[in-house]
Amino acid sequence: MCIIVFFTAALVFCALQSFAGMEPSLRAGMVRAVGRLPQMLAWTLVATTVEVMLNALQNFLKERLGFLGALLGGTGALAWNAVTCFVVPVLVVDGGLASRGG
């Protein structure tokens, strides 16, 4: 999962460079991702822990409530996945292009 977060962060940085009217470069994106590596590793640890817990909860609910439990557990997992989509851009922007503008 950390590899996915790393390359997503590099891609997000390149997209932000493009939106800012600058020429995006793969090298700059990779350098930015390396610079945010401690934050990305911490996020990966949190995300993996929550996913394991949600998976266990979903299995428990499925055993107890059948289809309804699977539906409830799946809804929780879907909500978590939606939240995680917004974390990588925040990791990249924090101290990045947003702070250069003043």
Protein backbone atom coordinates (compact mmCIF):
# COMPACT_ATOMS: atom_id res chain seq x y z
CA MET A 1 0.00 0.00 0.00
CA CYS A 2 2.88 2.36 0.70
CA ILE A 3 4.04 2.08 -2.92
CA ILE A 4 0.58 3.06 -4.12
CA VAL A 5 0.50 6.07 -1.80
CA PHE A 6 4.02 7.09 -2.89
CA PHE A 7 3.27 7.13 -6.60
CA THR A 8 -0.16 8.69 -6.05
CA ALA A 9 1.53 11.51 -4.13
CA ALA A 10 3.98 12.06 -7.00
CA LEU A 11 1.08 12.16 -9.48
CA VAL A 12 -0.92 14.57 -7.31
CA PHE A 13 2.06 16.91 -7.05
CA CYS A 14 2.49 16.88 -10.84
CA ALA A 15 -1.22 17.63 -11.28
CA LEU A 16 -0.95 20.53 -8.84
CA GLN A 17 2.04 21.89 -10.75
CA SER A 18 0.02 21.74 -13.95
CA PHE A 19 -2.98 23.49 -12.36
CA ALA A 20 -0.63 26.22 -11.08
CA GLY A 21 0.49 26.88 -14.66
CA MET A 22 3.91 25.32 -14.17
CA GLU A 23 5.46 22.58 -16.28
CA PRO A 24 4.95 19.29 -14.40
CA SER A 25 7.89 16.93 -14.18
CA LEU A 26 8.10 13.37 -13.01
CA ARG A 27 11.35 14.11 -11.21
CA ALA A 28 9.82 16.94 -9.20
CA GLY A 29 6.86 14.74 -8.29
CA MET A 30 9.15 11.93 -7.10
CA VAL A 31 11.30 14.36 -5.10
CA ARG A 32 8.19 15.76 -3.44
CA ALA A 33 6.94 12.26 -2.65
CA VAL A 34 10.30 11.32 -1.11
CA GLY A 35 10.14 14.49 0.98
CA ARG A 36 6.76 13.45 2.39
CA LEU A 37 7.77 9.81 2.97
CA PRO A 38 7.53 9.87 6.81
CA GLN A 39 3.99 11.25 6.62
CA MET A 40 3.05 8.71 3.96
CA LEU A 41 4.45 5.82 6.01
CA ALA A 42 2.48 6.98 9.05
CA TRP A 43 -0.68 7.27 6.96
CA THR A 44 -0.11 3.81 5.49
CA LEU A 45 0.15 2.36 8.99
CA VAL A 46 -3.09 4.05 10.07
CA ALA A 47 -4.95 3.12 6.89
CA THR A 48 -3.84 -0.51 7.02
CA THR A 49 -4.82 -0.83 10.68
CA VAL A 50 -8.27 0.64 10.05
CA GLU A 51 -8.80 -1.59 7.01
CA VAL A 52 -7.92 -4.72 8.99
CA MET A 53 -10.32 -3.67 11.75
CA LEU A 54 -13.09 -2.90 9.25
CA ASN A 55 -12.55 -6.25 7.56
CA ALA A 56 -12.83 -8.04 10.91
CA LEU A 57 -15.97 -6.07 11.76
CA GLN A 58 -17.49 -6.82 8.39
CA ASN A 59 -16.84 -10.55 8.82
CA PHE A 60 -18.30 -10.46 12.33
CA LEU A 61 -21.43 -8.64 11.16
CA LYS A 62 -21.79 -10.99 8.20
CA GLU A 63 -21.69 -14.02 10.51
CA ARG A 64 -24.21 -12.49 12.94
CA LEU A 65 -26.61 -10.73 10.59
CA GLY A 66 -26.05 -12.40 7.22
CA PHE A 67 -26.71 -10.21 4.21
CA LEU A 68 -27.63 -7.19 6.33
CA GLY A 69 -24.34 -7.47 8.23
CA ALA A 70 -22.38 -7.71 5.00
CA LEU A 71 -24.22 -4.65 3.73
CA LEU A 72 -23.49 -2.66 6.90
CA GLY A 73 -19.84 -3.70 6.91
CA GLY A 74 -19.51 -2.90 3.22
CA THR A 75 -20.98 0.54 3.82
CA GLY A 76 -18.35 1.22 6.48
CA ALA A 77 -15.58 0.07 4.17
CA LEU A 78 -16.95 2.24 1.36
CA ALA A 79 -17.02 5.27 3.65
CA TRP A 80 -13.42 4.64 4.73
CA ASN A 81 -12.29 4.31 1.11
CA ALA A 82 -13.97 7.62 0.28
CA VAL A 83 -12.14 9.34 3.14
CA THR A 84 -8.78 7.90 2.14
CA CYS A 85 -9.09 9.42 -1.36
CA PHE A 86 -8.66 12.88 0.14
CA VAL A 87 -5.68 12.16 2.39
CA VAL A 88 -2.90 11.86 -0.20
CA PRO A 89 -3.56 15.31 -1.73
CA VAL A 90 -3.47 16.81 1.77
CA LEU A 91 -0.16 15.06 2.45
CA VAL A 92 1.28 16.50 -0.74
CA VAL A 93 -0.08 20.03 -0.41
CA ASP A 94 0.88 20.49 3.24
CA GLY A 95 3.92 22.74 2.93
CA GLY A 96 3.97 22.45 -0.85
CA LEU A 97 2.56 24.64 -3.63
CA ALA A 98 -0.14 26.07 -1.37
CA SER A 99 2.39 27.63 1.01
CA ARG A 100 4.43 29.22 -1.82
CA GLY A 101 1.59 31.52 -2.77
CA GLY A 102 1.73 33.39 0.50
